[in-house]
Structures are given as structure tokens and as C-alpha cells.
Amino acid sequence: LGGYPVCRDIAMTGELTLTGNVLPIGGLREKTLAAYNAGVSRVIIPQDNEGDLDDIDPVVREKLKFIPVRRADEVLKTALCRK
């Protein structure tokens, strides 16, 4: 998007509406475990799922940085690598 690549150390789970809102998801525990196993260090999650972080394995929770977002513009600011 705009010639900027997506950072290699980041993953995102969630859904975006056509108006740019980030919707909450299910299965956060499983999705973050998969990101951890894939070597990701940062995960963008819907802000409405912050309460689900307690369900994540403590080892995974310690190793990943969780970035809660509400809007698509926050996702882009975080996910795109700008030099």
C-alpha cells in the first residue's frame, strides 16, 4: 500500500468493516499461539479482545507484543514499514 512493505515481524487477527472499524474475533488464544510458532514478535489485535489476553499461554504472552487497535488507520501505522 503506497509502496510500503508490511513489516516481517508482525501479524494481525481481526476483521475490518468497509468503514474501517476493527471488529472483535474469536479464537485469540489459538491464533496467537500460531503467530508465536511462526516467529512473529508483534500481533495486532482488536481492542475489544484485550480482555481475552488472560486466556493466552503465559509463555506466549511474555514473548509477543500485543497492539490493540480500533481503526484501520491504526493498523496501517503499525503494520507498514516506513524508513
PDB file of N, CA and C in Angstrom:
ATOM      1  N   LEU A   1       0.852  -1.174   0.000  1.00  0.00           N
ATOM      2  CA  LEU A   1       0.000   0.000   0.000  1.00  0.00           C
ATOM      3  C   LEU A   1       0.897   1.236   0.000  1.00  0.00           C
ATOM      4  N   GLY A   2       0.813   2.010  -1.027  1.00  0.00           N
ATOM      5  CA  GLY A   2       1.629   3.207  -1.114  1.00  0.00           C
ATOM      6  C   GLY A   2       3.114   2.918  -1.288  1.00  0.00           C
ATOM      7  N   GLY A   3       3.451   1.687  -1.663  1.00  0.00           N
ATOM      8  CA  GLY A   3       4.853   1.336  -1.850  1.00  0.00           C
ATOM      9  C   GLY A   3       5.575   0.920  -0.592  1.00  0.00           C
ATOM     10  N   TYR A   4       4.879   0.846   0.533  1.00  0.00           N
ATOM     11  CA  TYR A   4       5.494   0.428   1.786  1.00  0.00           C
ATOM     12  C   TYR A   4       5.225  -1.055   2.029  1.00  0.00           C
ATOM     13  N   PRO A   5       6.250  -1.828   2.342  1.00  0.00           N
ATOM     14  CA  PRO A   5       6.021  -3.243   2.649  1.00  0.00           C
ATOM     15  C   PRO A   5       5.465  -3.415   4.054  1.00  0.00           C
ATOM     16  N   VAL A   6       4.848  -4.554   4.298  1.00  0.00           N
ATOM     17  CA  VAL A   6       4.391  -4.905   5.642  1.00  0.00           C
ATOM     18  C   VAL A   6       5.604  -5.412   6.415  1.00  0.00           C
ATOM     19  N   CYS A   7       5.742  -4.977   7.653  1.00  0.00           N
ATOM     20  CA  CYS A   7       6.858  -5.415   8.497  1.00  0.00           C
ATOM     21  C   CYS A   7       6.821  -6.937   8.647  1.00  0.00           C
ATOM     22  N   ARG A   8       7.983  -7.564   8.662  1.00  0.00           N
ATOM     23  CA  ARG A   8       8.066  -9.018   8.694  1.00  0.00           C
ATOM     24  C   ARG A   8       7.785  -9.631  10.054  1.00  0.00           C
ATOM     25  N   ASP A   9       7.853  -8.842  11.095  1.00  0.00           N
ATOM     26  CA  ASP A   9       7.715  -9.394  12.450  1.00  0.00           C
ATOM     27  C   ASP A   9       6.317  -9.215  13.019  1.00  0.00           C
ATOM     28  N   ILE A  10       5.361  -8.880  12.180  1.00  0.00           N
ATOM     29  CA  ILE A  10       4.032  -8.535  12.681  1.00  0.00           C
ATOM     30  C   ILE A  10       2.948  -9.392  12.027  1.00  0.00           C
ATOM     31  N   ALA A  11       1.929  -9.671  12.808  1.00  0.00           N
ATOM     32  CA  ALA A  11       0.753 -10.392  12.317  1.00  0.00           C
ATOM     33  C   ALA A  11      -0.477  -9.650  12.820  1.00  0.00           C
ATOM     34  N   MET A  12      -1.619  -9.928  12.185  1.00  0.00           N
ATOM     35  CA  MET A  12      -2.858  -9.313  12.628  1.00  0.00           C
ATOM     36  C   MET A  12      -3.964 -10.345  12.606  1.00  0.00           C
ATOM     37  N   THR A  13      -4.804 -10.267  13.600  1.00  0.00           N
ATOM     38  CA  THR A  13      -6.020 -11.052  13.585  1.00  0.00           C
ATOM     39  C   THR A  13      -7.173 -10.105  13.831  1.00  0.00           C
ATOM     40  N   GLY A  14      -8.241 -10.311  13.104  1.00  0.00           N
ATOM     41  CA  GLY A  14      -9.396  -9.435  13.236  1.00  0.00           C
ATOM     42  C   GLY A  14     -10.056  -9.240  11.894  1.00  0.00           C
ATOM     43  N   GLU A  15     -11.115  -8.514  11.908  1.00  0.00           N
ATOM     44  CA  GLU A  15     -11.845  -8.211  10.682  1.00  0.00           C
ATOM     45  C   GLU A  15     -12.043  -6.712  10.596  1.00  0.00           C
ATOM     46  N   LEU A  16     -12.000  -6.208   9.373  1.00  0.00           N
ATOM     47  CA  LEU A  16     -12.214  -4.784   9.126  1.00  0.00           C
ATOM     48  C   LEU A  16     -13.548  -4.592   8.426  1.00  0.00           C
ATOM     49  N   THR A  17     -14.299  -3.579   8.861  1.00  0.00           N
ATOM     50  CA  THR A  17     -15.524  -3.231   8.152  1.00  0.00           C
ATOM     51  C   THR A  17     -15.164  -2.322   6.981  1.00  0.00           C
ATOM     52  N   LEU A  18     -16.106  -2.092   6.104  1.00  0.00           N
ATOM     53  CA  LEU A  18     -15.867  -1.201   4.966  1.00  0.00           C
ATOM     54  C   LEU A  18     -15.623   0.234   5.412  1.00  0.00           C
ATOM     55  N   THR A  19     -16.061   0.582   6.618  1.00  0.00           N
ATOM     56  CA  THR A  19     -15.844   1.935   7.136  1.00  0.00           C
ATOM     57  C   THR A  19     -14.562   2.041   7.965  1.00  0.00           C
ATOM     58  N   GLY A  20     -13.800   0.940   8.072  1.00  0.00           N
ATOM     59  CA  GLY A  20     -12.503   0.993   8.738  1.00  0.00           C
ATOM     60  C   GLY A  20     -12.489   0.603  10.200  1.00  0.00           C
ATOM     61  N   ASN A  21     -13.586   0.098  10.726  1.00  0.00           N
ATOM     62  CA  ASN A  21     -13.598  -0.354  12.118  1.00  0.00           C
ATOM     63  C   ASN A  21     -13.013  -1.767  12.213  1.00  0.00           C
ATOM     64  N   VAL A  22     -12.297  -2.036  13.294  1.00  0.00           N
ATOM     65  CA  VAL A  22     -11.752  -3.367  13.555  1.00  0.00           C
ATOM     66  C   VAL A  22     -12.719  -4.081  14.485  1.00  0.00           C
ATOM     67  N   LEU A  23     -13.208  -5.242  14.045  1.00  0.00           N
ATOM     68  CA  LEU A  23     -14.198  -5.993  14.814  1.00  0.00           C
ATOM     69  C   LEU A  23     -13.530  -7.061  15.687  1.00  0.00           C
ATOM     70  N   PRO A  24     -14.122  -7.390  16.825  1.00  0.00           N
ATOM     71  CA  PRO A  24     -13.578  -8.445  17.685  1.00  0.00           C
ATOM     72  C   PRO A  24     -13.697  -9.816  17.014  1.00  0.00           C
ATOM     73  N   ILE A  25     -12.843 -10.724  17.457  1.00  0.00           N
ATOM     74  CA  ILE A  25     -12.783 -12.064  16.862  1.00  0.00           C
ATOM     75  C   ILE A  25     -12.830 -13.120  17.958  1.00  0.00           C
ATOM     76  N   GLY A  26     -12.981 -14.354  17.555  1.00  0.00           N
ATOM     77  CA  GLY A  26     -12.890 -15.489  18.456  1.00  0.00           C
ATOM     78  C   GLY A  26     -11.596 -16.234  18.187  1.00  0.00           C
ATOM     79  N   GLY A  27     -11.200 -17.100  19.116  1.00  0.00           N
ATOM     80  CA  GLY A  27     -10.021 -17.926  18.913  1.00  0.00           C
ATOM     81  C   GLY A  27      -8.701 -17.207  19.066  1.00  0.00           C
ATOM     82  N   LEU A  28      -8.668 -16.160  19.875  1.00  0.00           N
ATOM     83  CA  LEU A  28      -7.431 -15.392  20.024  1.00  0.00           C
ATOM     84  C   LEU A  28      -6.292 -16.250  20.564  1.00  0.00           C
ATOM     85  N   ARG A  29      -6.585 -17.130  21.488  1.00  0.00           N
ATOM     86  CA  ARG A  29      -5.546 -17.983  22.075  1.00  0.00           C
ATOM     87  C   ARG A  29      -4.860 -18.818  20.987  1.00  0.00           C
ATOM     88  N   GLU A  30      -5.639 -19.466  20.150  1.00  0.00           N
ATOM     89  CA  GLU A  30      -5.088 -20.308  19.096  1.00  0.00           C
ATOM     90  C   GLU A  30      -4.337 -19.496  18.046  1.00  0.00           C
ATOM     91  N   LYS A  31      -4.861 -18.347  17.713  1.00  0.00           N
ATOM     92  CA  LYS A  31      -4.239 -17.514  16.685  1.00  0.00           C
ATOM     93  C   LYS A  31      -2.913 -16.934  17.161  1.00  0.00           C
ATOM     94  N   THR A  32      -2.840 -16.550  18.423  1.00  0.00           N
ATOM     95  CA  THR A  32      -1.577 -16.013  18.931  1.00  0.00           C
ATOM     96  C   THR A  32      -0.542 -17.114  19.106  1.00  0.00           C
ATOM     97  N   LEU A  33      -0.975 -18.320  19.435  1.00  0.00           N
ATOM     98  CA  LEU A  33      -0.045 -19.454  19.517  1.00  0.00           C
ATOM     99  C   LEU A  33       0.548 -19.731  18.136  1.00  0.00           C
ATOM    100  N   ALA A  34      -0.269 -19.665  17.105  1.00  0.00           N
ATOM    101  CA  ALA A  34       0.220 -19.858  15.742  1.00  0.00           C
ATOM    102  C   ALA A  34       1.219 -18.764  15.356  1.00  0.00           C
ATOM    103  N   ALA A  35       0.942 -17.530  15.733  1.00  0.00           N
ATOM    104  CA  ALA A  35       1.865 -16.425  15.447  1.00  0.00           C
ATOM    105  C   ALA A  35       3.193 -16.643  16.172  1.00  0.00           C
ATOM    106  N   TYR A  36       3.126 -17.059  17.410  1.00  0.00           N
ATOM    107  CA  TYR A  36       4.335 -17.349  18.198  1.00  0.00           C
ATOM    108  C   TYR A  36       5.147 -18.453  17.521  1.00  0.00           C
ATOM    109  N   ASN A  37       4.484 -19.526  17.106  1.00  0.00           N
ATOM    110  CA  ASN A  37       5.170 -20.649  16.453  1.00  0.00           C
ATOM    111  C   ASN A  37       5.769 -20.258  15.111  1.00  0.00           C
ATOM    112  N   ALA A  38       5.209 -19.240  14.477  1.00  0.00           N
ATOM    113  CA  ALA A  38       5.712 -18.766  13.183  1.00  0.00           C
ATOM    114  C   ALA A  38       6.863 -17.767  13.345  1.00  0.00           C
ATOM    115  N   GLY A  39       7.197 -17.403  14.577  1.00  0.00           N
ATOM    116  CA  GLY A  39       8.308 -16.490  14.811  1.00  0.00           C
ATOM    117  C   GLY A  39       7.946 -15.017  14.795  1.00  0.00           C
ATOM    118  N   VAL A  40       6.672 -14.720  14.870  1.00  0.00           N
ATOM    119  CA  VAL A  40       6.213 -13.334  14.901  1.00  0.00           C
ATOM    120  C   VAL A  40       6.499 -12.742  16.276  1.00  0.00           C
ATOM    121  N   SER A  41       6.806 -11.456  16.343  1.00  0.00           N
ATOM    122  CA  SER A  41       7.075 -10.841  17.647  1.00  0.00           C
ATOM    123  C   SER A  41       6.003  -9.833  18.065  1.00  0.00           C
ATOM    124  N   ARG A  42       5.202  -9.344  17.096  1.00  0.00           N
ATOM    125  CA  ARG A  42       4.135  -8.387  17.400  1.00  0.00           C
ATOM    126  C   ARG A  42       2.841  -8.850  16.757  1.00  0.00           C
ATOM    127  N   VAL A  43       1.738  -8.688  17.483  1.00  0.00           N
ATOM    128  CA  VAL A  43       0.434  -9.084  16.954  1.00  0.00           C
ATOM    129  C   VAL A  43      -0.552  -7.940  17.150  1.00  0.00           C
ATOM    130  N   ILE A  44      -1.166  -7.516  16.068  1.00  0.00           N
ATOM    131  CA  ILE A  44      -2.222  -6.504  16.124  1.00  0.00           C
ATOM    132  C   ILE A  44      -3.519  -7.243  16.422  1.00  0.00           C
ATOM    133  N   ILE A  45      -4.219  -6.795  17.465  1.00  0.00           N
ATOM    134  CA  ILE A  45      -5.481  -7.427  17.851  1.00  0.00           C
ATOM    135  C   ILE A  45      -6.573  -6.364  17.965  1.00  0.00           C
ATOM    136  N   PRO A  46      -7.829  -6.771  17.816  1.00  0.00           N
ATOM    137  CA  PRO A  46      -8.914  -5.821  18.045  1.00  0.00           C
ATOM    138  C   PRO A  46      -8.919  -5.365  19.509  1.00  0.00           C
ATOM    139  N   GLN A  47      -9.114  -4.101  19.733  1.00  0.00           N
ATOM    140  CA  GLN A  47      -9.117  -3.575  21.094  1.00  0.00           C
ATOM    141  C   GLN A  47     -10.193  -4.251  21.955  1.00  0.00           C
ATOM    142  N   ASP A  48     -11.294  -4.629  21.340  1.00  0.00           N
ATOM    143  CA  ASP A  48     -12.359  -5.296  22.082  1.00  0.00           C
ATOM    144  C   ASP A  48     -11.964  -6.690  22.559  1.00  0.00           C
ATOM    145  N   ASN A  49     -10.831  -7.214  22.091  1.00  0.00           N
ATOM    146  CA  ASN A  49     -10.354  -8.528  22.526  1.00  0.00           C
ATOM    147  C   ASN A  49      -9.276  -8.445  23.606  1.00  0.00           C
ATOM    148  N   GLU A  50      -8.988  -7.260  24.099  1.00  0.00           N
ATOM    149  CA  GLU A  50      -7.952  -7.130  25.139  1.00  0.00           C
ATOM    150  C   GLU A  50      -8.245  -7.998  26.358  1.00  0.00           C
ATOM    151  N   GLY A  51      -9.508  -8.142  26.712  1.00  0.00           N
ATOM    152  CA  GLY A  51      -9.878  -8.961  27.859  1.00  0.00           C
ATOM    153  C   GLY A  51      -9.546 -10.430  27.669  1.00  0.00           C
ATOM    154  N   ASP A  52      -9.359 -10.859  26.428  1.00  0.00           N
ATOM    155  CA  ASP A  52      -9.036 -12.255  26.133  1.00  0.00           C
ATOM    156  C   ASP A  52      -7.554 -12.573  26.323  1.00  0.00           C
ATOM    157  N   LEU A  53      -6.738 -11.567  26.548  1.00  0.00           N
ATOM    158  CA  LEU A  53      -5.301 -11.800  26.707  1.00  0.00           C
ATOM    159  C   LEU A  53      -4.992 -12.678  27.921  1.00  0.00           C
ATOM    160  N   ASP A  54      -5.862 -12.675  28.917  1.00  0.00           N
ATOM    161  CA  ASP A  54      -5.652 -13.512  30.102  1.00  0.00           C
ATOM    162  C   ASP A  54      -5.715 -14.993  29.761  1.00  0.00           C
ATOM    163  N   ASP A  55      -6.380 -15.357  28.663  1.00  0.00           N
ATOM    164  CA  ASP A  55      -6.526 -16.760  28.261  1.00  0.00           C
ATOM    165  C   ASP A  55      -5.318 -17.299  27.506  1.00  0.00           C
ATOM    166  N   ILE A  56      -4.396 -16.419  27.141  1.00  0.00           N
ATOM    167  CA  ILE A  56      -3.240 -16.822  26.338  1.00  0.00           C
ATOM    168  C   ILE A  56      -2.167 -17.420  27.246  1.00  0.00           C
ATOM    169  N   ASP A  57      -1.525 -18.458  26.735  1.00  0.00           N
ATOM    170  CA  ASP A  57      -0.448 -19.128  27.467  1.00  0.00           C
ATOM    171  C   ASP A  57       0.566 -18.092  27.954  1.00  0.00           C
ATOM    172  N   PRO A  58       0.987 -18.175  29.219  1.00  0.00           N
ATOM    173  CA  PRO A  58       1.915 -17.174  29.769  1.00  0.00           C
ATOM    174  C   PRO A  58       3.228 -17.044  28.987  1.00  0.00           C
ATOM    175  N   VAL A  59       3.751 -18.134  28.464  1.00  0.00           N
ATOM    176  CA  VAL A  59       4.995 -18.073  27.685  1.00  0.00           C
ATOM    177  C   VAL A  59       4.771 -17.277  26.409  1.00  0.00           C
ATOM    178  N   VAL A  60       3.668 -17.537  25.741  1.00  0.00           N
ATOM    179  CA  VAL A  60       3.335 -16.816  24.514  1.00  0.00           C
ATOM    180  C   VAL A  60       3.086 -15.343  24.820  1.00  0.00           C
ATOM    181  N   ARG A  61       2.341 -15.075  25.887  1.00  0.00           N
ATOM    182  CA  ARG A  61       2.019 -13.697  26.274  1.00  0.00           C
ATOM    183  C   ARG A  61       3.288 -12.906  26.593  1.00  0.00           C
ATOM    184  N   GLU A  62       4.271 -13.565  27.173  1.00  0.00           N
ATOM    185  CA  GLU A  62       5.526 -12.884  27.522  1.00  0.00           C
ATOM    186  C   GLU A  62       6.361 -12.564  26.292  1.00  0.00           C
ATOM    187  N   LYS A  63       6.322 -13.424  25.296  1.00  0.00           N
ATOM    188  CA  LYS A  63       7.180 -13.264  24.117  1.00  0.00           C
ATOM    189  C   LYS A  63       6.600 -12.348  23.041  1.00  0.00           C
ATOM    190  N   LEU A  64       5.272 -12.222  23.000  1.00  0.00           N
ATOM    191  CA  LEU A  64       4.648 -11.396  21.973  1.00  0.00           C
ATOM    192  C   LEU A  64       4.271 -10.025  22.519  1.00  0.00           C
ATOM    193  N   LYS A  65       4.366  -9.038  21.657  1.00  0.00           N
ATOM    194  CA  LYS A  65       3.864  -7.707  21.999  1.00  0.00           C
ATOM    195  C   LYS A  65       2.501  -7.568  21.331  1.00  0.00           C
ATOM    196  N   PHE A  66       1.480  -7.270  22.117  1.00  0.00           N
ATOM    197  CA  PHE A  66       0.122  -7.134  21.604  1.00  0.00           C
ATOM    198  C   PHE A  66      -0.206  -5.661  21.406  1.00  0.00           C
ATOM    199  N   ILE A  67      -0.727  -5.347  20.235  1.00  0.00           N
ATOM    200  CA  ILE A  67      -1.043  -3.976  19.884  1.00  0.00           C
ATOM    201  C   ILE A  67      -2.547  -3.903  19.604  1.00  0.00           C
ATOM    202  N   PRO A  68      -3.330  -3.416  20.567  1.00  0.00           N
ATOM    203  CA  PRO A  68      -4.776  -3.317  20.363  1.00  0.00           C
ATOM    204  C   PRO A  68      -5.135  -2.097  19.507  1.00  0.00           C
ATOM    205  N   VAL A  69      -6.052  -2.301  18.558  1.00  0.00           N
ATOM    206  CA  VAL A  69      -6.463  -1.216  17.659  1.00  0.00           C
ATOM    207  C   VAL A  69      -7.974  -1.210  17.485  1.00  0.00           C
ATOM    208  N   ARG A  70      -8.511  -0.052  17.135  1.00  0.00           N
ATOM    209  CA  ARG A  70      -9.948   0.107  16.849  1.00  0.00           C
ATOM    210  C   ARG A  70     -10.227   0.411  15.387  1.00  0.00           C
ATOM    211  N   ARG A  71      -9.248   1.028  14.703  1.00  0.00           N
ATOM    212  CA  ARG A  71      -9.495   1.517  13.344  1.00  0.00           C
ATOM    213  C   ARG A  71      -8.389   1.054  12.389  1.00  0.00           C
ATOM    214  N   ALA A  72      -8.732   0.994  11.109  1.00  0.00           N
ATOM    215  CA  ALA A  72      -7.801   0.546  10.072  1.00  0.00           C
ATOM    216  C   ALA A  72      -6.580   1.454   9.971  1.00  0.00           C
ATOM    217  N   ASP A  73      -6.734   2.746  10.204  1.00  0.00           N
ATOM    218  CA  ASP A  73      -5.580   3.644  10.119  1.00  0.00           C
ATOM    219  C   ASP A  73      -4.532   3.302  11.178  1.00  0.00           C
ATOM    220  N   GLU A  74      -4.961   2.827  12.347  1.00  0.00           N
ATOM    221  CA  GLU A  74      -4.023   2.382  13.377  1.00  0.00           C
ATOM    222  C   GLU A  74      -3.273   1.135  12.919  1.00  0.00           C
ATOM    223  N   VAL A  75      -3.974   0.259  12.221  1.00  0.00           N
ATOM    224  CA  VAL A  75      -3.353  -0.953  11.679  1.00  0.00           C
ATOM    225  C   VAL A  75      -2.252  -0.574  10.703  1.00  0.00           C
ATOM    226  N   LEU A  76      -2.556   0.327   9.790  1.00  0.00           N
ATOM    227  CA  LEU A  76      -1.580   0.724   8.779  1.00  0.00           C
ATOM    228  C   LEU A  76      -0.362   1.395   9.395  1.00  0.00           C
ATOM    229  N   LYS A  77      -0.558   2.238  10.378  1.00  0.00           N
ATOM    230  CA  LYS A  77       0.566   2.914  11.045  1.00  0.00           C
ATOM    231  C   LYS A  77       1.505   1.906  11.690  1.00  0.00           C
ATOM    232  N   THR A  78       0.940   0.829  12.186  1.00  0.00           N
ATOM    233  CA  THR A  78       1.718  -0.189  12.894  1.00  0.00           C
ATOM    234  C   THR A  78       2.331  -1.214  11.948  1.00  0.00           C
ATOM    235  N   ALA A  79       1.592  -1.643  10.950  1.00  0.00           N
ATOM    236  CA  ALA A  79       1.990  -2.772  10.123  1.00  0.00           C
ATOM    237  C   ALA A  79       2.938  -2.414   8.973  1.00  0.00           C
ATOM    238  N   LEU A  80       2.859  -1.187   8.472  1.00  0.00           N
ATOM    239  CA  LEU A  80       3.698  -0.825   7.330  1.00  0.00           C
ATOM    240  C   LEU A  80       5.051  -0.323   7.786  1.00  0.00           C
ATOM    241  N   CYS A  81       6.090  -0.807   7.118  1.00  0.00           N
ATOM    242  CA  CYS A  81       7.463  -0.395   7.447  1.00  0.00           C
ATOM    243  C   CYS A  81       7.788   0.889   6.698  1.00  0.00           C
ATOM    244  N   ARG A  82       8.073   1.905   7.459  1.00  0.00           N
ATOM    245  CA  ARG A  82       8.449   3.191   6.873  1.00  0.00           C
ATOM    246  C   ARG A  82       9.826   3.530   7.384  1.00  0.00           C
ATOM    247  N   LYS A  83      10.695   3.927   6.476  1.00  0.00           N
ATOM    248  CA  LYS A  83      12.077   4.235   6.872  1.00  0.00           C
ATOM    249  C   LYS A  83      12.244   5.688   7.185  1.00  0.00           C
TER     250      LYS A  83
END
